PDB file of N, CA and C in Angstrom:
ATOM      1  N   MET A   1       0.841  -1.190   0.000  1.00  0.00           N
ATOM      2  CA  MET A   1       0.000   0.000   0.000  1.00  0.00           C
ATOM      3  C   MET A   1       0.884   1.251   0.000  1.00  0.00           C
ATOM      4  N   THR A   2       0.521   2.194  -0.794  1.00  0.00           N
ATOM      5  CA  THR A   2       1.253   3.445  -0.890  1.00  0.00           C
ATOM      6  C   THR A   2       1.027   4.276   0.365  1.00  0.00           C
ATOM      7  N   ASN A   3       2.093   4.897   0.839  1.00  0.00           N
ATOM      8  CA  ASN A   3       1.956   5.764   2.006  1.00  0.00           C
ATOM      9  C   ASN A   3       1.441   7.115   1.539  1.00  0.00           C
ATOM     10  N   VAL A   4       0.225   7.447   1.902  1.00  0.00           N
ATOM     11  CA  VAL A   4      -0.430   8.657   1.429  1.00  0.00           C
ATOM     12  C   VAL A   4      -0.330   9.795   2.433  1.00  0.00           C
ATOM     13  N   ASP A   5       0.127   9.506   3.638  1.00  0.00           N
ATOM     14  CA  ASP A   5       0.171  10.543   4.663  1.00  0.00           C
ATOM     15  C   ASP A   5       0.956  11.791   4.258  1.00  0.00           C
ATOM     16  N   PRO A   6       2.144  11.678   3.643  1.00  0.00           N
ATOM     17  CA  PRO A   6       2.844  12.899   3.220  1.00  0.00           C
ATOM     18  C   PRO A   6       2.052  13.699   2.189  1.00  0.00           C
ATOM     19  N   TYR A   7       1.354  13.006   1.317  1.00  0.00           N
ATOM     20  CA  TYR A   7       0.543  13.685   0.304  1.00  0.00           C
ATOM     21  C   TYR A   7      -0.602  14.455   0.961  1.00  0.00           C
ATOM     22  N   ILE A   8      -1.261  13.826   1.908  1.00  0.00           N
ATOM     23  CA  ILE A   8      -2.356  14.481   2.631  1.00  0.00           C
ATOM     24  C   ILE A   8      -1.832  15.672   3.405  1.00  0.00           C
ATOM     25  N   THR A   9      -0.680  15.514   4.040  1.00  0.00           N
ATOM     26  CA  THR A   9      -0.067  16.622   4.782  1.00  0.00           C
ATOM     27  C   THR A   9       0.224  17.790   3.849  1.00  0.00           C
ATOM     28  N   MET A  10       0.728  17.488   2.655  1.00  0.00           N
ATOM     29  CA  MET A  10       1.035  18.541   1.682  1.00  0.00           C
ATOM     30  C   MET A  10      -0.245  19.258   1.250  1.00  0.00           C
ATOM     31  N   ILE A  11      -1.299  18.501   1.003  1.00  0.00           N
ATOM     32  CA  ILE A  11      -2.564  19.116   0.582  1.00  0.00           C
ATOM     33  C   ILE A  11      -3.116  20.008   1.683  1.00  0.00           C
ATOM     34  N   LYS A  12      -3.107  19.525   2.905  1.00  0.00           N
ATOM     35  CA  LYS A  12      -3.623  20.326   4.022  1.00  0.00           C
ATOM     36  C   LYS A  12      -2.808  21.607   4.199  1.00  0.00           C
ATOM     37  N   ALA A  13      -1.503  21.507   4.041  1.00  0.00           N
ATOM     38  CA  ALA A  13      -0.657  22.697   4.150  1.00  0.00           C
ATOM     39  C   ALA A  13      -0.972  23.689   3.033  1.00  0.00           C
ATOM     40  N   LYS A  14      -1.212  23.178   1.834  1.00  0.00           N
ATOM     41  CA  LYS A  14      -1.541  24.055   0.702  1.00  0.00           C
ATOM     42  C   LYS A  14      -2.881  24.747   0.932  1.00  0.00           C
ATOM     43  N   ILE A  15      -3.854  24.023   1.484  1.00  0.00           N
ATOM     44  CA  ILE A  15      -5.155  24.628   1.784  1.00  0.00           C
ATOM     45  C   ILE A  15      -4.978  25.752   2.798  1.00  0.00           C
ATOM     46  N   GLU A  16      -4.184  25.520   3.836  1.00  0.00           N
ATOM     47  CA  GLU A  16      -3.933  26.569   4.838  1.00  0.00           C
ATOM     48  C   GLU A  16      -3.265  27.780   4.196  1.00  0.00           C
ATOM     49  N   GLU A  17      -2.329  27.540   3.295  1.00  0.00           N
ATOM     50  CA  GLU A  17      -1.647  28.628   2.593  1.00  0.00           C
ATOM     51  C   GLU A  17      -2.630  29.433   1.746  1.00  0.00           C
ATOM     52  N   LEU A  18      -3.502  28.738   1.025  1.00  0.00           N
ATOM     53  CA  LEU A  18      -4.491  29.419   0.187  1.00  0.00           C
ATOM     54  C   LEU A  18      -5.487  30.199   1.041  1.00  0.00           C
ATOM     55  N   ASP A  19      -5.885  29.634   2.170  1.00  0.00           N
ATOM     56  CA  ASP A  19      -6.794  30.342   3.081  1.00  0.00           C
ATOM     57  C   ASP A  19      -6.147  31.640   3.582  1.00  0.00           C
ATOM     58  N   ALA A  20      -4.872  31.569   3.911  1.00  0.00           N
ATOM     59  CA  ALA A  20      -4.163  32.763   4.381  1.00  0.00           C
ATOM     60  C   ALA A  20      -4.103  33.823   3.277  1.00  0.00           C
ATOM     61  N   GLU A  21      -3.842  33.389   2.053  1.00  0.00           N
ATOM     62  CA  GLU A  21      -3.816  34.335   0.930  1.00  0.00           C
ATOM     63  C   GLU A  21      -5.189  34.963   0.719  1.00  0.00           C
ATOM     64  N   LEU A  22      -6.238  34.168   0.876  1.00  0.00           N
ATOM     65  CA  LEU A  22      -7.591  34.702   0.725  1.00  0.00           C
ATOM     66  C   LEU A  22      -7.872  35.764   1.782  1.00  0.00           C
ATOM     67  N   ASN A  23      -7.406  35.550   2.982  1.00  0.00           N
ATOM     68  CA  ASN A  23      -7.594  36.554   4.043  1.00  0.00           C
ATOM     69  C   ASN A  23      -6.896  37.866   3.703  1.00  0.00           C
ATOM     70  N   VAL A  24      -5.732  37.786   3.084  1.00  0.00           N
ATOM     71  CA  VAL A  24      -5.021  38.999   2.652  1.00  0.00           C
ATOM     72  C   VAL A  24      -5.841  39.721   1.579  1.00  0.00           C
ATOM     73  N   ILE A  25      -6.388  38.959   0.651  1.00  0.00           N
ATOM     74  CA  ILE A  25      -7.210  39.547  -0.419  1.00  0.00           C
ATOM     75  C   ILE A  25      -8.448  40.213   0.171  1.00  0.00           C
ATOM     76  N   LYS A  26      -9.073  39.557   1.136  1.00  0.00           N
ATOM     77  CA  LYS A  26     -10.251  40.138   1.787  1.00  0.00           C
ATOM     78  C   LYS A  26      -9.898  41.477   2.423  1.00  0.00           C
ATOM     79  N   ALA A  27      -8.761  41.543   3.079  1.00  0.00           N
ATOM     80  CA  ALA A  27      -8.335  42.783   3.730  1.00  0.00           C
ATOM     81  C   ALA A  27      -8.096  43.884   2.704  1.00  0.00           C
ATOM     82  N   LYS A  28      -7.494  43.531   1.581  1.00  0.00           N
ATOM     83  CA  LYS A  28      -7.243  44.516   0.530  1.00  0.00           C
ATOM     84  C   LYS A  28      -8.545  45.014  -0.094  1.00  0.00           C
ATOM     85  N   ALA A  29      -9.528  44.140  -0.210  1.00  0.00           N
ATOM     86  CA  ALA A  29     -10.780  44.483  -0.874  1.00  0.00           C
ATOM     87  C   ALA A  29     -11.677  45.368  -0.014  1.00  0.00           C
ATOM     88  N   LYS A  30     -11.504  45.301   1.299  1.00  0.00           N
ATOM     89  CA  LYS A  30     -12.338  46.133   2.173  1.00  0.00           C
ATOM     90  C   LYS A  30     -12.089  47.602   1.864  1.00  0.00           C
ATOM     91  N   GLY A  31     -13.128  48.336   1.853  1.00  0.00           N
ATOM     92  CA  GLY A  31     -13.006  49.764   1.613  1.00  0.00           C
ATOM     93  C   GLY A  31     -12.957  50.137   0.142  1.00  0.00           C
ATOM     94  N   ARG A  32     -13.092  49.189  -0.743  1.00  0.00           N
ATOM     95  CA  ARG A  32     -13.088  49.504  -2.177  1.00  0.00           C
ATOM     96  C   ARG A  32     -14.484  49.736  -2.721  1.00  0.00           C
ATOM     97  N   GLY A  33     -15.468  49.713  -1.855  1.00  0.00           N
ATOM     98  CA  GLY A  33     -16.827  50.004  -2.291  1.00  0.00           C
ATOM     99  C   GLY A  33     -17.695  48.768  -2.383  1.00  0.00           C
ATOM    100  N   ALA A  34     -18.980  49.031  -2.578  1.00  0.00           N
ATOM    101  CA  ALA A  34     -19.988  47.974  -2.590  1.00  0.00           C
ATOM    102  C   ALA A  34     -19.767  46.991  -3.740  1.00  0.00           C
ATOM    103  N   GLU A  35     -19.418  47.491  -4.899  1.00  0.00           N
ATOM    104  CA  GLU A  35     -19.215  46.604  -6.058  1.00  0.00           C
ATOM    105  C   GLU A  35     -18.082  45.617  -5.796  1.00  0.00           C
ATOM    106  N   ALA A  36     -17.005  46.093  -5.219  1.00  0.00           N
ATOM    107  CA  ALA A  36     -15.878  45.215  -4.899  1.00  0.00           C
ATOM    108  C   ALA A  36     -16.288  44.168  -3.868  1.00  0.00           C
ATOM    109  N   GLU A  37     -17.076  44.571  -2.898  1.00  0.00           N
ATOM    110  CA  GLU A  37     -17.524  43.625  -1.876  1.00  0.00           C
ATOM    111  C   GLU A  37     -18.439  42.560  -2.478  1.00  0.00           C
ATOM    112  N   ILE A  38     -19.288  42.937  -3.423  1.00  0.00           N
ATOM    113  CA  ILE A  38     -20.155  41.970  -4.090  1.00  0.00           C
ATOM    114  C   ILE A  38     -19.313  40.977  -4.890  1.00  0.00           C
ATOM    115  N   GLN A  39     -18.351  41.494  -5.631  1.00  0.00           N
ATOM    116  CA  GLN A  39     -17.466  40.616  -6.395  1.00  0.00           C
ATOM    117  C   GLN A  39     -16.692  39.681  -5.471  1.00  0.00           C
ATOM    118  N   LEU A  40     -16.201  40.222  -4.380  1.00  0.00           N
ATOM    119  CA  LEU A  40     -15.443  39.408  -3.432  1.00  0.00           C
ATOM    120  C   LEU A  40     -16.327  38.325  -2.822  1.00  0.00           C
ATOM    121  N   ASP A  41     -17.562  38.675  -2.491  1.00  0.00           N
ATOM    122  CA  ASP A  41     -18.477  37.681  -1.928  1.00  0.00           C
ATOM    123  C   ASP A  41     -18.700  36.521  -2.902  1.00  0.00           C
ATOM    124  N   GLU A  42     -18.825  36.833  -4.187  1.00  0.00           N
ATOM    125  CA  GLU A  42     -19.003  35.787  -5.194  1.00  0.00           C
ATOM    126  C   GLU A  42     -17.765  34.892  -5.270  1.00  0.00           C
ATOM    127  N   ILE A  43     -16.610  35.511  -5.254  1.00  0.00           N
ATOM    128  CA  ILE A  43     -15.360  34.756  -5.339  1.00  0.00           C
ATOM    129  C   ILE A  43     -15.169  33.898  -4.091  1.00  0.00           C
ATOM    130  N   VAL A  44     -15.457  34.472  -2.933  1.00  0.00           N
ATOM    131  CA  VAL A  44     -15.313  33.731  -1.681  1.00  0.00           C
ATOM    132  C   VAL A  44     -16.276  32.550  -1.650  1.00  0.00           C
ATOM    133  N   SER A  45     -17.482  32.739  -2.154  1.00  0.00           N
ATOM    134  CA  SER A  45     -18.454  31.656  -2.208  1.00  0.00           C
ATOM    135  C   SER A  45     -17.952  30.530  -3.114  1.00  0.00           C
ATOM    136  N   ASP A  46     -17.425  30.885  -4.267  1.00  0.00           N
ATOM    137  CA  ASP A  46     -16.864  29.896  -5.193  1.00  0.00           C
ATOM    138  C   ASP A  46     -15.692  29.166  -4.531  1.00  0.00           C
ATOM    139  N   TYR A  47     -14.821  29.921  -3.900  1.00  0.00           N
ATOM    140  CA  TYR A  47     -13.659  29.347  -3.218  1.00  0.00           C
ATOM    141  C   TYR A  47     -14.113  28.388  -2.114  1.00  0.00           C
ATOM    142  N   ALA A  48     -15.106  28.794  -1.341  1.00  0.00           N
ATOM    143  CA  ALA A  48     -15.594  27.959  -0.235  1.00  0.00           C
ATOM    144  C   ALA A  48     -16.141  26.632  -0.753  1.00  0.00           C
ATOM    145  N   GLY A  49     -16.852  26.671  -1.858  1.00  0.00           N
ATOM    146  CA  GLY A  49     -17.374  25.440  -2.449  1.00  0.00           C
ATOM    147  C   GLY A  49     -16.254  24.521  -2.898  1.00  0.00           C
ATOM    148  N   LYS A  50     -15.248  25.100  -3.520  1.00  0.00           N
ATOM    149  CA  LYS A  50     -14.109  24.305  -3.970  1.00  0.00           C
ATOM    150  C   LYS A  50     -13.301  23.785  -2.776  1.00  0.00           C
ATOM    151  N   ARG A  51     -13.214  24.578  -1.723  1.00  0.00           N
ATOM    152  CA  ARG A  51     -12.499  24.145  -0.526  1.00  0.00           C
ATOM    153  C   ARG A  51     -13.235  22.984   0.142  1.00  0.00           C
ATOM    154  N   ASP A  52     -14.547  23.070   0.203  1.00  0.00           N
ATOM    155  CA  ASP A  52     -15.343  21.970   0.767  1.00  0.00           C
ATOM    156  C   ASP A  52     -15.134  20.690  -0.042  1.00  0.00           C
ATOM    157  N   GLU A  53     -15.127  20.818  -1.361  1.00  0.00           N
ATOM    158  CA  GLU A  53     -14.891  19.669  -2.223  1.00  0.00           C
ATOM    159  C   GLU A  53     -13.494  19.090  -1.971  1.00  0.00           C
ATOM    160  N   MET A  54     -12.526  19.968  -1.806  1.00  0.00           N
ATOM    161  CA  MET A  54     -11.156  19.529  -1.541  1.00  0.00           C
ATOM    162  C   MET A  54     -11.092  18.754  -0.230  1.00  0.00           C
ATOM    163  N   GLU A  55     -11.769  19.240   0.778  1.00  0.00           N
ATOM    164  CA  GLU A  55     -11.763  18.553   2.070  1.00  0.00           C
ATOM    165  C   GLU A  55     -12.446  17.191   1.969  1.00  0.00           C
ATOM    166  N   ARG A  56     -13.507  17.086   1.158  1.00  0.00           N
ATOM    167  CA  ARG A  56     -14.155  15.785   0.945  1.00  0.00           C
ATOM    168  C   ARG A  56     -13.188  14.818   0.260  1.00  0.00           C
ATOM    169  N   LYS A  57     -12.442  15.332  -0.705  1.00  0.00           N
ATOM    170  CA  LYS A  57     -11.466  14.492  -1.410  1.00  0.00           C
ATOM    171  C   LYS A  57     -10.376  14.013  -0.454  1.00  0.00           C
ATOM    172  N   VAL A  58      -9.928  14.886   0.434  1.00  0.00           N
ATOM    173  CA  VAL A  58      -8.895  14.496   1.395  1.00  0.00           C
ATOM    174  C   VAL A  58      -9.423  13.402   2.322  1.00  0.00           C
ATOM    175  N   ARG A  59     -10.654  13.567   2.800  1.00  0.00           N
ATOM    176  CA  ARG A  59     -11.234  12.530   3.667  1.00  0.00           C
ATOM    177  C   ARG A  59     -11.361  11.206   2.926  1.00  0.00           C
ATOM    178  N   ALA A  60     -11.778  11.267   1.663  1.00  0.00           N
ATOM    179  CA  ALA A  60     -11.897  10.047   0.867  1.00  0.00           C
ATOM    180  C   ALA A  60     -10.519   9.421   0.632  1.00  0.00           C
ATOM    181  N   LEU A  61      -9.539  10.249   0.413  1.00  0.00           N
ATOM    182  CA  LEU A  61      -8.176   9.766   0.204  1.00  0.00           C
ATOM    183  C   LEU A  61      -7.661   9.060   1.455  1.00  0.00           C
ATOM    184  N   GLN A  62      -7.947   9.646   2.607  1.00  0.00           N
ATOM    185  CA  GLN A  62      -7.523   9.029   3.857  1.00  0.00           C
ATOM    186  C   GLN A  62      -8.180   7.667   4.055  1.00  0.00           C
ATOM    187  N   ALA A  63      -9.408   7.537   3.598  1.00  0.00           N
ATOM    188  CA  ALA A  63     -10.153   6.297   3.793  1.00  0.00           C
ATOM    189  C   ALA A  63      -9.853   5.254   2.715  1.00  0.00           C
ATOM    190  N   SER A  64      -9.274   5.668   1.611  1.00  0.00           N
ATOM    191  CA  SER A  64      -9.048   4.747   0.498  1.00  0.00           C
ATOM    192  C   SER A  64      -7.823   3.884   0.753  1.00  0.00           C
ATOM    193  N   GLY A  65      -7.737   2.855  -0.018  1.00  0.00           N
ATOM    194  CA  GLY A  65      -6.586   1.979   0.082  1.00  0.00           C
ATOM    195  C   GLY A  65      -6.368   1.270  -1.238  1.00  0.00           C
ATOM    196  N   GLY A  66      -5.228   0.674  -1.371  1.00  0.00           N
ATOM    197  CA  GLY A  66      -4.938  -0.118  -2.556  1.00  0.00           C
ATOM    198  C   GLY A  66      -4.970   0.680  -3.835  1.00  0.00           C
ATOM    199  N   SER A  67      -5.521   0.075  -4.887  1.00  0.00           N
ATOM    200  CA  SER A  67      -5.518   0.697  -6.213  1.00  0.00           C
ATOM    201  C   SER A  67      -6.398   1.939  -6.270  1.00  0.00           C
ATOM    202  N   ALA A  68      -7.406   2.010  -5.429  1.00  0.00           N
ATOM    203  CA  ALA A  68      -8.288   3.182  -5.429  1.00  0.00           C
ATOM    204  C   ALA A  68      -7.545   4.432  -4.989  1.00  0.00           C
ATOM    205  N   MET A  69      -6.472   4.251  -4.243  1.00  0.00           N
ATOM    206  CA  MET A  69      -5.742   5.399  -3.710  1.00  0.00           C
ATOM    207  C   MET A  69      -5.181   6.279  -4.823  1.00  0.00           C
ATOM    208  N   GLU A  70      -4.647   5.672  -5.875  1.00  0.00           N
ATOM    209  CA  GLU A  70      -4.077   6.466  -6.968  1.00  0.00           C
ATOM    210  C   GLU A  70      -5.158   7.294  -7.657  1.00  0.00           C
ATOM    211  N   ASP A  71      -6.329   6.708  -7.862  1.00  0.00           N
ATOM    212  CA  ASP A  71      -7.445   7.459  -8.453  1.00  0.00           C
ATOM    213  C   ASP A  71      -7.852   8.606  -7.540  1.00  0.00           C
ATOM    214  N   MET A  72      -7.883   8.349  -6.237  1.00  0.00           N
ATOM    215  CA  MET A  72      -8.263   9.374  -5.272  1.00  0.00           C
ATOM    216  C   MET A  72      -7.225  10.502  -5.269  1.00  0.00           C
ATOM    217  N   LYS A  73      -5.952  10.158  -5.393  1.00  0.00           N
ATOM    218  CA  LYS A  73      -4.898  11.178  -5.430  1.00  0.00           C
ATOM    219  C   LYS A  73      -5.065  12.066  -6.659  1.00  0.00           C
ATOM    220  N   GLU A  74      -5.425  11.454  -7.790  1.00  0.00           N
ATOM    221  CA  GLU A  74      -5.661  12.237  -9.009  1.00  0.00           C
ATOM    222  C   GLU A  74      -6.800  13.221  -8.806  1.00  0.00           C
ATOM    223  N   GLY A  75      -7.904  12.734  -8.243  1.00  0.00           N
ATOM    224  CA  GLY A  75      -9.057  13.597  -7.988  1.00  0.00           C
ATOM    225  C   GLY A  75      -8.728  14.709  -7.016  1.00  0.00           C
ATOM    226  N   ALA A  76      -7.965  14.379  -5.987  1.00  0.00           N
ATOM    227  CA  ALA A  76      -7.565  15.391  -5.014  1.00  0.00           C
ATOM    228  C   ALA A  76      -6.649  16.420  -5.667  1.00  0.00           C
ATOM    229  N   GLY A  77      -5.787  15.975  -6.542  1.00  0.00           N
ATOM    230  CA  GLY A  77      -4.896  16.900  -7.249  1.00  0.00           C
ATOM    231  C   GLY A  77      -5.672  17.870  -8.128  1.00  0.00           C
ATOM    232  N   ARG A  78      -6.682  17.352  -8.833  1.00  0.00           N
ATOM    233  CA  ARG A  78      -7.527  18.238  -9.671  1.00  0.00           C
ATOM    234  C   ARG A  78      -8.295  19.227  -8.804  1.00  0.00           C
ATOM    235  N   ALA A  79      -8.814  18.751  -7.683  1.00  0.00           N
ATOM    236  CA  ALA A  79      -9.565  19.642  -6.786  1.00  0.00           C
ATOM    237  C   ALA A  79      -8.655  20.731  -6.237  1.00  0.00           C
ATOM    238  N   LEU A  80      -7.411  20.375  -5.924  1.00  0.00           N
ATOM    239  CA  LEU A  80      -6.461  21.375  -5.429  1.00  0.00           C
ATOM    240  C   LEU A  80      -6.152  22.398  -6.517  1.00  0.00           C
ATOM    241  N   ASP A  81      -6.025  21.945  -7.755  1.00  0.00           N
ATOM    242  CA  ASP A  81      -5.799  22.875  -8.877  1.00  0.00           C
ATOM    243  C   ASP A  81      -6.969  23.845  -9.020  1.00  0.00           C
ATOM    244  N   GLU A  82      -8.194  23.342  -8.877  1.00  0.00           N
ATOM    245  CA  GLU A  82      -9.386  24.201  -8.977  1.00  0.00           C
ATOM    246  C   GLU A  82      -9.430  25.214  -7.832  1.00  0.00           C
ATOM    247  N   LEU A  83      -9.060  24.785  -6.646  1.00  0.00           N
ATOM    248  CA  LEU A  83      -9.035  25.677  -5.495  1.00  0.00           C
ATOM    249  C   LEU A  83      -7.996  26.779  -5.707  1.00  0.00           C
ATOM    250  N   THR A  84      -6.840  26.393  -6.207  1.00  0.00           N
ATOM    251  CA  THR A  84      -5.781  27.366  -6.488  1.00  0.00           C
ATOM    252  C   THR A  84      -6.237  28.350  -7.562  1.00  0.00           C
ATOM    253  N   ALA A  85      -6.917  27.866  -8.580  1.00  0.00           N
ATOM    254  CA  ALA A  85      -7.411  28.734  -9.654  1.00  0.00           C
ATOM    255  C   ALA A  85      -8.440  29.729  -9.124  1.00  0.00           C
ATOM    256  N   ALA A  86      -9.292  29.292  -8.208  1.00  0.00           N
ATOM    257  CA  ALA A  86     -10.286  30.195  -7.619  1.00  0.00           C
ATOM    258  C   ALA A  86      -9.593  31.317  -6.857  1.00  0.00           C
ATOM    259  N   LEU A  87      -8.520  30.984  -6.156  1.00  0.00           N
ATOM    260  CA  LEU A  87      -7.789  32.012  -5.422  1.00  0.00           C
ATOM    261  C   LEU A  87      -7.069  32.955  -6.389  1.00  0.00           C
ATOM    262  N   GLU A  88      -6.506  32.414  -7.453  1.00  0.00           N
ATOM    263  CA  GLU A  88      -5.823  33.257  -8.442  1.00  0.00           C
ATOM    264  C   GLU A  88      -6.795  34.259  -9.060  1.00  0.00           C
ATOM    265  N   LYS A  89      -8.027  33.838  -9.266  1.00  0.00           N
ATOM    266  CA  LYS A  89      -9.060  34.732  -9.791  1.00  0.00           C
ATOM    267  C   LYS A  89      -9.269  35.900  -8.827  1.00  0.00           C
ATOM    268  N   ALA A  90      -9.332  35.589  -7.549  1.00  0.00           N
ATOM    269  CA  ALA A  90      -9.500  36.639  -6.544  1.00  0.00           C
ATOM    270  C   ALA A  90      -8.300  37.560  -6.517  1.00  0.00           C
ATOM    271  N   LYS A  91      -7.114  36.982  -6.591  1.00  0.00           N
ATOM    272  CA  LYS A  91      -5.887  37.792  -6.557  1.00  0.00           C
ATOM    273  C   LYS A  91      -5.826  38.738  -7.753  1.00  0.00           C
ATOM    274  N   SER A  92      -6.257  38.271  -8.910  1.00  0.00           N
ATOM    275  CA  SER A  92      -6.187  39.109 -10.090  1.00  0.00           C
ATOM    276  C   SER A  92      -7.148  40.303 -10.005  1.00  0.00           C
ATOM    277  N   ARG A  93      -8.247  40.123  -9.308  1.00  0.00           N
ATOM    278  CA  ARG A  93      -9.234  41.211  -9.190  1.00  0.00           C
ATOM    279  C   ARG A  93      -8.915  42.191  -8.075  1.00  0.00           C
ATOM    280  N   PHE A  94      -8.268  41.728  -7.042  1.00  0.00           N
ATOM    281  CA  PHE A  94      -8.123  42.565  -5.848  1.00  0.00           C
ATOM    282  C   PHE A  94      -6.681  42.847  -5.446  1.00  0.00           C
ATOM    283  N   SER A  95      -5.735  42.543  -6.276  1.00  0.00           N
ATOM    284  CA  SER A  95      -4.339  42.827  -5.928  1.00  0.00           C
ATOM    285  C   SER A  95      -3.893  44.140  -6.502  1.00  0.00           C
TER     286      SER A  95
END
């Protein structure tokens, strides 16, 4: 069986890093007016959905074993890419 713990640790660390970056973006966006806050709310909502999906993938990865683990790692990797893309969208609008 493949040892997945380092992979899970890396994903969790990346999620924490992205969350911290989102908090910086939120701080920058404050005070830019109602339109900016509406846009930020939409982006944060999208990010939250992708983050929830990422956390579900991590839980599934932790529970998987054997050959299913590689498929789960692929899915978790795609979910992490989507989460990162959602944050990049926010950074491009509010940086």
